[in-house]
Amino acid sequence: MAEHQGAGHGYIVPYGQEVRIVHISDCYLPRLGGIEVQLRSLALQQRAAGHDVTILTATPGHAGVHSGLDEVDGIAVYRIAASIPGEIPVHPRGGRVITDTLHRLRHTGAIDAVHVHSGVVSPFAWQGIRAATRLSLPTLVTVHCVWGPGAQPAYRLANGITRWSKWGAQLATVSEMAAERIRPVVRPDDVLVLPNGIDPALWQIDTSSPEPGKLRVVAVMRLAPRKRSLPLVKVLAAASRQLAPDVHLSAVVIGDGPQLSSARKAAAGIDVDFVGRLDRDGIKSVFARSDVFLQSSVRESFGLAALEARTAGLAVVARSQTGIREFVDSGIDGVLAPDDAGLARALVGLGRDQGQLASISAHNRSTPPAQNWPDVLQLTDSAYARASALMTSRA
C-alpha cells in the first residue's frame, strides 16, 4: 500500500495522505440515530486526518430542504430526498440521481472509495451500492444492524435473483456477532469486522464512588419494541424487589420513543426517571453519578452507548448475545447475561457486592477501549484497500 497514490489517482493510501471518500447513507443529520451519529464522527475524523469527505443521503435537511448541496460541520452533504409524508428516507429515482452525482464528483477528481452504510431496511444504500459498483468505484458496505431470523433467507433469495454478492462490493459489519449472521449468505472471508469508533478522552470523566445501600443504574436507548424498553423496566423492577430493603435501586433512562408512555406506566412503583433525549454533556452528567449501565436489547450489533459508559467507568450489564461482548469481558468490564433473569441477577450481585462494583469501575476507568479512532481509522483504510483490490480484480 505504501506505493499507492492518493486522491486524483484512484488508489487507496494509508492515513496521513489524502484520500477522497464518498459516504452514502439513507439517514444523516439532522436525524440523530445510531448510524447518523457514528457516520458523522467517522466523517469528522477522516476530515481531521486530511481527507476529502462527501456524504450522499436521502434525509432532508433543515427547513425541508430535499435536494441539492448542503453543508454540515464543514462537510459537503448532497441531499437526495423525495417529498414523501413523514420524510421517509426513500427516493424512487435514487439510483439514477446517485449515479449522476457520482459522475459529477468524478469530474472534479478521482473517488478513492465509496463507503455505504446500511441498516435493517436501506433502499437508498442499496441503490448506492449498485450505482457505485456499476461505475467500478471501490465500494465498502458497512452493515450496522443485526440480521434477524428472516434476513438470511431473504438476502439469499435476493442474491439468487440479483447476484448482489458478485457486484464487487466489500462487506463489513461492526462486530463479529453481526458478521456471523451474514457469512452464511456469502463466503465467510468476504465479511470484515469494522467496529464503531470512540474518542476515549471525551468519556473519561470523574464518576462518584458507589454509595453504600444504593445502586444507581442508567440506560441510554430508543424506547421502542426493537430495543426492548419494556423488558428493561421489568429487569429493573425485579432487581429492585430483590435488593430491597437493604439496597435502594434507582435508574435514569435517557432517550425517547413510541413506548415512553408505556414504559412510564410499567415503572410505576419503582424509582425510575425518564429524562428524554440528552446531548453528550447531559449524558456525561448522568454517567458521573451512576454505577451501572444497563442494556436490554438482544439485537445490538455494537452498542456504542455501552462503550461510552464503559469508558466513563461504569460497569456494563448486558445480554451476551449482542455485539457488546466485543468490548465487555464478563466479570472484568461488567456482567454479560444469557437472559433477562440473568440481567436482574447481575444488578442484584453488583448492588450487594460493592467491592466487585468498585473493582470493575476502577478497571474501566484505567483501561481505554481498543475501539479508539486512530485504530478504527487504520482498519477503515485497510477495508478501503480491500475494496479497491476487489474492484480491480473484476476489471
Protein backbone atom coordinates (compact mmCIF):
# COMPACT_ATOMS: atom_id res chain seq x y z
CA MET A 1 0.00 0.00 0.00
CA ALA A 2 2.87 2.39 0.60
CA GLU A 3 3.39 2.91 -3.13
CA HIS A 4 -0.25 3.74 -3.87
CA GLN A 5 -1.21 7.30 -4.61
CA GLY A 6 -4.00 9.43 -3.17
CA ALA A 7 -6.97 11.46 -4.34
CA GLY A 8 -6.81 12.29 -8.01
CA HIS A 9 -5.09 8.98 -8.86
CA GLY A 10 -7.80 6.47 -7.98
CA TYR A 11 -5.94 4.43 -5.36
CA ILE A 12 -6.28 3.93 -1.64
CA VAL A 13 -3.47 5.16 0.57
CA PRO A 14 -2.60 4.86 4.26
CA TYR A 15 -3.96 7.51 6.59
CA GLY A 16 -1.76 10.56 6.70
CA GLN A 17 -2.11 11.06 2.92
CA GLU A 18 -5.22 12.45 1.30
CA VAL A 19 -7.99 10.08 0.27
CA ARG A 20 -11.24 11.10 -1.42
CA ILE A 21 -14.16 9.33 0.23
CA VAL A 22 -17.88 9.43 -0.57
CA HIS A 23 -20.21 8.12 2.14
CA ILE A 24 -23.74 7.00 1.20
CA SER A 25 -26.43 6.56 3.87
CA ASP A 26 -30.23 6.55 3.93
CA CYS A 27 -30.16 8.64 7.09
CA TYR A 28 -27.95 11.51 8.21
CA LEU A 29 -28.19 14.69 10.24
CA PRO A 30 -30.46 16.32 11.27
CA ARG A 31 -31.69 12.82 12.21
CA LEU A 32 -29.93 11.53 15.32
CA GLY A 33 -29.96 7.75 15.21
CA GLY A 34 -27.02 5.43 15.78
CA ILE A 35 -25.85 5.26 12.16
CA GLU A 36 -26.16 9.01 11.71
CA VAL A 37 -24.13 9.84 14.81
CA GLN A 38 -21.42 7.28 14.05
CA LEU A 39 -21.17 8.37 10.40
CA ARG A 40 -20.82 11.99 11.46
CA SER A 41 -18.00 11.06 13.85
CA LEU A 42 -16.24 8.98 11.18
CA ALA A 43 -16.53 11.76 8.60
CA LEU A 44 -15.15 14.34 11.04
CA GLN A 45 -12.26 12.06 11.98
CA GLN A 46 -11.44 11.44 8.32
CA ARG A 47 -11.54 15.14 7.54
CA ALA A 48 -9.27 15.83 10.52
CA ALA A 49 -6.84 13.29 9.04
CA GLY A 50 -6.69 15.46 5.92
CA HIS A 51 -9.09 13.63 3.64
CA ASP A 52 -11.71 14.88 1.20
CA VAL A 53 -15.08 13.68 2.54
CA THR A 54 -18.52 13.94 0.91
CA ILE A 55 -21.85 12.50 2.06
CA LEU A 56 -24.86 11.46 -0.04
CA THR A 57 -28.12 10.93 1.87
CA ALA A 58 -31.86 10.53 1.38
CA THR A 59 -32.55 12.53 4.54
CA PRO A 60 -33.95 16.06 4.06
CA GLY A 61 -32.10 18.94 5.65
CA HIS A 62 -33.37 21.65 7.93
CA ALA A 63 -36.37 23.68 6.74
CA GLY A 64 -37.46 20.83 4.49
CA VAL A 65 -34.56 21.08 2.03
CA HIS A 66 -34.96 17.91 -0.03
CA SER A 67 -32.36 18.16 -2.76
CA GLY A 68 -29.10 19.83 -3.59
CA LEU A 69 -25.80 20.57 -1.92
CA ASP A 70 -25.84 21.24 1.81
CA GLU A 71 -23.03 21.67 4.33
CA VAL A 72 -22.88 20.11 7.79
CA ASP A 73 -19.84 20.55 10.05
CA GLY A 74 -17.98 21.93 7.04
CA ILE A 75 -18.56 18.69 5.09
CA ALA A 76 -20.39 18.64 1.75
CA VAL A 77 -23.72 16.80 2.04
CA TYR A 78 -25.77 16.06 -1.07
CA ARG A 79 -29.45 15.72 -0.17
CA ILE A 80 -31.24 13.27 -2.48
CA ALA A 81 -34.63 13.15 -0.77
CA ALA A 82 -38.15 12.86 -2.14
CA SER A 83 -41.17 14.76 -0.81
CA ILE A 84 -42.76 11.81 0.98
CA PRO A 85 -45.09 12.12 4.02
CA GLY A 86 -43.16 11.55 7.22
CA GLU A 87 -39.91 12.41 5.44
CA ILE A 88 -39.10 8.73 4.97
CA PRO A 89 -35.57 8.45 3.51
CA VAL A 90 -36.63 6.87 0.22
CA HIS A 91 -36.19 8.21 -3.31
CA PRO A 92 -37.92 6.42 -6.23
CA ARG A 93 -35.17 7.56 -8.62
CA GLY A 94 -32.37 7.38 -6.07
CA GLY A 95 -30.20 5.08 -8.16
CA ARG A 96 -30.19 7.44 -11.13
CA VAL A 97 -29.57 10.54 -9.00
CA ILE A 98 -26.76 8.83 -7.07
CA THR A 99 -25.15 7.75 -10.34
CA ASP A 100 -25.35 11.27 -11.74
CA THR A 101 -23.92 12.74 -8.53
CA LEU A 102 -21.00 10.29 -8.52
CA HIS A 103 -20.35 11.14 -12.17
CA ARG A 104 -20.19 14.86 -11.34
CA LEU A 105 -17.89 14.25 -8.39
CA ARG A 106 -15.54 12.19 -10.56
CA HIS A 107 -15.23 15.11 -12.95
CA THR A 108 -13.62 17.11 -10.12
CA GLY A 109 -11.15 14.34 -9.20
CA ALA A 110 -10.94 10.60 -8.70
CA ILE A 111 -13.04 8.95 -5.99
CA ASP A 112 -10.81 6.65 -3.94
CA ALA A 113 -13.60 4.91 -2.02
CA VAL A 114 -17.38 4.82 -1.74
CA HIS A 115 -18.44 3.82 1.77
CA VAL A 116 -22.08 2.74 2.02
CA HIS A 117 -23.81 2.48 5.40
CA SER A 118 -26.70 0.01 5.61
CA GLY A 119 -29.29 -0.55 8.33
CA VAL A 120 -32.16 -3.01 8.68
CA VAL A 121 -34.00 -1.74 5.61
CA SER A 122 -31.90 0.62 3.50
CA PRO A 123 -33.23 1.09 -0.06
CA PHE A 124 -31.11 4.20 -0.66
CA ALA A 125 -27.97 2.40 0.50
CA TRP A 126 -28.64 -0.47 -1.91
CA GLN A 127 -29.22 2.00 -4.72
CA GLY A 128 -25.85 3.47 -3.80
CA ILE A 129 -24.12 0.08 -3.84
CA ARG A 130 -25.46 -0.68 -7.32
CA ALA A 131 -24.57 2.76 -8.66
CA ALA A 132 -21.02 2.72 -7.27
CA THR A 133 -20.19 -0.81 -8.40
CA ARG A 134 -21.57 -0.17 -11.89
CA LEU A 135 -19.16 2.76 -12.08
CA SER A 136 -16.36 0.39 -10.94
CA LEU A 137 -15.67 2.51 -7.87
CA PRO A 138 -14.07 0.78 -4.84
CA THR A 139 -17.09 0.17 -2.61
CA LEU A 140 -17.17 -0.73 1.07
CA VAL A 141 -20.53 -1.61 2.64
CA THR A 142 -20.81 -1.46 6.43
CA VAL A 143 -23.88 -3.27 7.76
CA HIS A 144 -24.67 -1.50 11.04
CA CYS A 145 -27.53 -3.80 12.10
CA VAL A 146 -28.01 -7.41 13.15
CA TRP A 147 -29.72 -9.57 10.56
CA GLY A 148 -32.81 -11.12 12.16
CA PRO A 149 -34.14 -14.66 11.57
CA GLY A 150 -35.82 -13.69 8.30
CA ALA A 151 -32.91 -11.74 6.87
CA GLN A 152 -30.70 -14.66 5.84
CA PRO A 153 -33.29 -16.38 3.63
CA ALA A 154 -34.45 -13.03 2.23
CA TYR A 155 -30.94 -11.91 1.28
CA ARG A 156 -30.11 -15.40 -0.01
CA LEU A 157 -33.18 -15.24 -2.26
CA ALA A 158 -32.30 -11.73 -3.40
CA ASN A 159 -28.76 -12.88 -4.13
CA GLY A 160 -30.09 -15.67 -6.30
CA ILE A 161 -32.04 -13.13 -8.34
CA THR A 162 -29.72 -10.11 -8.46
CA ARG A 163 -26.32 -11.74 -7.71
CA TRP A 164 -25.60 -8.80 -5.39
CA SER A 165 -22.69 -10.64 -3.77
CA LYS A 166 -20.95 -10.56 -7.18
CA TRP A 167 -21.26 -6.79 -7.69
CA GLY A 168 -17.76 -6.24 -6.34
CA ALA A 169 -18.52 -4.52 -3.03
CA GLN A 170 -16.51 -5.34 0.09
CA LEU A 171 -18.81 -6.22 3.01
CA ALA A 172 -18.15 -5.30 6.64
CA THR A 173 -20.07 -5.28 9.91
CA VAL A 174 -19.46 -3.52 13.21
CA SER A 175 -18.95 -6.67 15.29
CA GLU A 176 -18.09 -10.33 14.99
CA MET A 177 -21.57 -11.21 16.26
CA ALA A 178 -23.18 -9.28 13.40
CA ALA A 179 -20.76 -10.82 10.90
CA GLU A 180 -21.82 -14.31 11.98
CA ARG A 181 -25.34 -13.58 10.69
CA ILE A 182 -24.11 -12.53 7.22
CA ARG A 183 -21.35 -15.05 6.49
CA PRO A 184 -23.71 -17.99 5.75
CA VAL A 185 -25.08 -16.00 2.78
CA VAL A 186 -21.68 -15.14 1.28
CA ARG A 187 -18.19 -16.58 1.54
CA PRO A 188 -17.06 -16.23 5.19
CA ASP A 189 -13.81 -14.48 4.21
CA ASP A 190 -15.82 -11.82 2.36
CA VAL A 191 -17.07 -10.13 5.56
CA LEU A 192 -14.76 -7.85 7.55
CA VAL A 193 -15.32 -6.54 11.08
CA LEU A 194 -15.04 -2.75 11.23
CA PRO A 195 -16.03 -1.56 14.73
CA ASN A 196 -17.50 1.78 15.64
CA GLY A 197 -15.01 4.29 16.98
CA ILE A 198 -14.82 6.39 20.10
CA ASP A 199 -12.64 9.18 21.44
CA PRO A 200 -11.86 7.89 24.96
CA ALA A 201 -10.84 11.35 26.17
CA LEU A 202 -14.41 12.58 25.66
CA TRP A 203 -15.77 9.96 28.06
CA GLN A 204 -13.10 9.79 30.75
CA ILE A 205 -15.00 11.66 33.44
CA ASP A 206 -14.89 11.89 37.21
CA THR A 207 -17.52 9.48 38.47
CA SER A 208 -18.62 9.38 42.08
CA SER A 209 -17.80 6.28 44.13
CA PRO A 210 -20.56 3.72 44.80
CA GLU A 211 -22.62 4.67 47.84
CA PRO A 212 -23.41 2.04 50.47
CA GLY A 213 -27.04 0.99 50.31
CA LYS A 214 -27.55 2.40 46.80
CA LEU A 215 -27.26 1.12 43.23
CA ARG A 216 -27.56 3.79 40.55
CA VAL A 217 -28.39 2.47 37.09
CA VAL A 218 -28.52 4.30 33.75
CA ALA A 219 -29.79 3.23 30.33
CA VAL A 220 -29.47 5.07 27.02
CA MET A 221 -31.88 3.80 24.42
CA ARG A 222 -34.68 4.41 21.98
CA LEU A 223 -37.88 3.47 23.77
CA ALA A 224 -39.17 1.08 21.14
CA PRO A 225 -40.02 -2.64 20.90
CA ARG A 226 -36.85 -3.47 18.94
CA LYS A 227 -34.74 -2.08 21.79
CA ARG A 228 -36.82 -3.99 24.39
CA SER A 229 -37.64 -1.00 26.55
CA LEU A 230 -40.47 -2.72 28.46
CA PRO A 231 -38.34 -5.79 29.31
CA LEU A 232 -35.70 -3.35 30.60
CA VAL A 233 -38.25 -1.90 33.05
CA LYS A 234 -39.17 -5.42 34.15
CA VAL A 235 -35.50 -6.19 34.82
CA LEU A 236 -35.21 -3.03 36.92
CA ALA A 237 -38.35 -3.93 38.84
CA ALA A 238 -37.15 -7.48 39.54
CA ALA A 239 -33.74 -6.30 40.73
CA SER A 240 -35.30 -3.55 42.85
CA ARG A 241 -37.55 -6.07 44.64
CA GLN A 242 -34.67 -8.46 45.30
CA LEU A 243 -32.36 -5.73 46.62
CA ALA A 244 -34.93 -4.13 48.94
CA PRO A 245 -34.80 -3.15 51.72
CA ASP A 246 -31.00 -3.30 52.14
CA VAL A 247 -30.12 -1.61 48.83
CA HIS A 248 -32.17 1.04 47.05
CA LEU A 249 -32.06 0.79 43.25
CA SER A 250 -32.64 3.97 41.26
CA ALA A 251 -32.46 4.33 37.49
CA VAL A 252 -32.30 7.06 34.87
CA VAL A 253 -33.47 6.20 31.36
CA ILE A 254 -32.15 8.53 28.66
CA GLY A 255 -33.99 8.53 25.35
CA ASP A 256 -37.36 8.89 23.70
CA GLY A 257 -39.59 6.80 21.51
CA PRO A 258 -43.06 5.35 20.95
CA GLN A 259 -43.01 3.26 24.13
CA LEU A 260 -42.21 6.14 26.50
CA SER A 261 -45.72 6.30 27.94
CA SER A 262 -45.95 2.51 28.31
CA ALA A 263 -42.53 2.35 29.95
CA ARG A 264 -43.51 5.02 32.47
CA LYS A 265 -46.64 3.08 33.39
CA ALA A 266 -44.67 -0.16 33.71
CA ALA A 267 -42.18 1.59 36.02
CA ALA A 268 -44.84 2.71 38.50
CA GLY A 269 -43.76 1.76 41.99
CA ILE A 270 -40.01 1.75 41.33
CA ASP A 271 -37.51 4.62 41.27
CA VAL A 272 -37.05 5.26 37.53
CA ASP A 273 -36.66 8.70 35.98
CA PHE A 274 -37.30 9.06 32.24
CA VAL A 275 -35.41 12.20 31.20
CA GLY A 276 -35.82 12.12 27.40
CA ARG A 277 -33.06 12.76 24.88
CA LEU A 278 -29.87 14.41 26.14
CA ASP A 279 -26.82 15.74 24.37
CA ARG A 280 -23.35 14.38 25.11
CA ASP A 281 -22.78 16.71 28.06
CA GLY A 282 -26.14 15.74 29.53
CA ILE A 283 -25.35 12.04 29.18
CA LYS A 284 -21.92 12.51 30.76
CA SER A 285 -23.55 14.33 33.68
CA VAL A 286 -25.82 11.33 34.33
CA PHE A 287 -22.93 8.88 33.89
CA ALA A 288 -20.93 10.83 36.50
CA ARG A 289 -23.49 9.97 39.18
CA SER A 290 -24.22 6.38 38.06
CA ASP A 291 -22.72 2.99 38.89
CA VAL A 292 -24.07 0.65 36.22
CA PHE A 293 -25.07 0.90 32.56
CA LEU A 294 -27.92 -1.48 31.66
CA GLN A 295 -28.57 -2.68 28.11
CA SER A 296 -31.56 -4.97 27.48
CA SER A 297 -31.51 -5.28 23.69
CA VAL A 298 -30.66 -8.63 22.12
CA ARG A 299 -30.22 -7.18 18.62
CA GLU A 300 -27.49 -4.67 19.37
CA SER A 301 -24.88 -5.01 16.63
CA PHE A 302 -22.29 -2.98 18.55
CA GLY A 303 -23.62 -0.92 21.47
CA LEU A 304 -21.90 2.46 21.20
CA ALA A 305 -23.66 3.89 24.26
CA ALA A 306 -22.46 0.90 26.29
CA LEU A 307 -18.89 1.51 25.11
CA GLU A 308 -19.15 5.16 26.10
CA ALA A 309 -20.43 4.16 29.55
CA ARG A 310 -17.69 1.57 29.95
CA THR A 311 -15.08 4.21 29.05
CA ALA A 312 -16.61 6.54 31.65
CA GLY A 313 -16.01 3.90 34.32
CA LEU A 314 -19.47 2.35 34.64
CA ALA A 315 -19.97 -1.38 34.95
CA VAL A 316 -21.87 -2.63 31.90
CA VAL A 317 -24.67 -5.16 32.36
CA ALA A 318 -25.94 -6.50 29.04
CA ARG A 319 -27.19 -9.57 27.20
CA SER A 320 -24.46 -11.91 25.99
CA GLN A 321 -25.99 -12.30 22.52
CA THR A 322 -25.03 -8.78 21.38
CA GLY A 323 -22.01 -7.03 19.92
CA ILE A 324 -21.28 -5.62 23.37
CA ARG A 325 -19.32 -8.81 24.05
CA GLU A 326 -16.65 -7.36 21.73
CA PHE A 327 -15.58 -4.94 24.47
CA VAL A 328 -17.08 -6.30 27.70
CA ASP A 329 -15.34 -9.25 29.31
CA SER A 330 -17.86 -10.59 31.81
CA GLY A 331 -16.57 -10.17 35.34
CA ILE A 332 -13.94 -7.64 34.23
CA ASP A 333 -15.72 -4.79 32.39
CA GLY A 334 -19.19 -5.70 33.61
CA VAL A 335 -21.53 -8.69 33.51
CA LEU A 336 -22.99 -10.41 30.44
CA ALA A 337 -26.15 -12.45 30.98
CA PRO A 338 -27.88 -15.07 28.80
CA ASP A 339 -31.41 -13.86 29.61
CA ASP A 340 -33.39 -11.15 31.38
CA ALA A 341 -33.39 -13.05 34.65
CA GLY A 342 -29.61 -13.04 34.41
CA LEU A 343 -29.62 -9.26 33.93
CA ALA A 344 -31.62 -8.86 37.14
CA ARG A 345 -29.26 -11.24 38.98
CA ALA A 346 -26.28 -9.23 37.74
CA LEU A 347 -27.76 -6.00 39.09
CA VAL A 348 -28.50 -7.66 42.41
CA GLY A 349 -24.98 -9.06 42.61
CA LEU A 350 -23.38 -5.67 41.96
CA GLY A 351 -25.75 -3.97 44.37
CA ARG A 352 -24.78 -6.36 47.16
CA ASP A 353 -21.06 -6.58 46.37
CA GLN A 354 -19.65 -3.06 46.41
CA GLY A 355 -16.13 -4.47 46.19
CA GLN A 356 -16.81 -6.07 42.81
CA LEU A 357 -18.56 -2.93 41.59
CA ALA A 358 -15.61 -0.76 42.64
CA SER A 359 -13.14 -3.16 41.01
CA ILE A 360 -14.98 -3.10 37.68
CA SER A 361 -15.28 0.68 37.78
CA ALA A 362 -11.56 1.11 38.52
CA HIS A 363 -10.63 -1.25 35.67
CA ASN A 364 -12.87 0.54 33.17
CA ARG A 365 -11.57 3.98 34.13
CA SER A 366 -7.94 2.90 33.81
CA THR A 367 -8.20 0.72 30.68
CA PRO A 368 -9.02 2.62 27.46
CA PRO A 369 -11.04 0.60 24.94
CA ALA A 370 -9.44 -0.81 21.80
CA GLN A 371 -12.14 0.83 19.65
CA ASN A 372 -10.38 4.21 19.57
CA TRP A 373 -10.44 6.38 16.47
CA PRO A 374 -6.78 6.04 15.42
CA ASP A 375 -7.11 2.24 15.35
CA VAL A 376 -10.55 2.33 13.72
CA LEU A 377 -9.27 4.68 11.01
CA GLN A 378 -6.43 2.25 10.28
CA LEU A 379 -8.95 -0.60 9.98
CA THR A 380 -11.14 1.55 7.74
CA ASP A 381 -8.18 2.34 5.49
CA SER A 382 -7.39 -1.37 5.21
CA ALA A 383 -11.02 -2.06 4.33
CA TYR A 384 -10.91 0.58 1.59
CA ALA A 385 -7.76 -1.09 0.25
CA ARG A 386 -9.59 -4.45 0.22
CA ALA A 387 -12.49 -2.84 -1.62
CA SER A 388 -10.10 -1.33 -4.17
CA ALA A 389 -8.34 -4.66 -4.75
CA LEU A 390 -11.68 -6.44 -5.10
CA MET A 391 -12.94 -3.96 -7.68
CA THR A 392 -9.63 -4.10 -9.57
CA SER A 393 -9.83 -7.90 -9.74
CA ARG A 394 -13.20 -7.62 -11.50
CA ALA A 395 -11.89 -5.22 -14.15
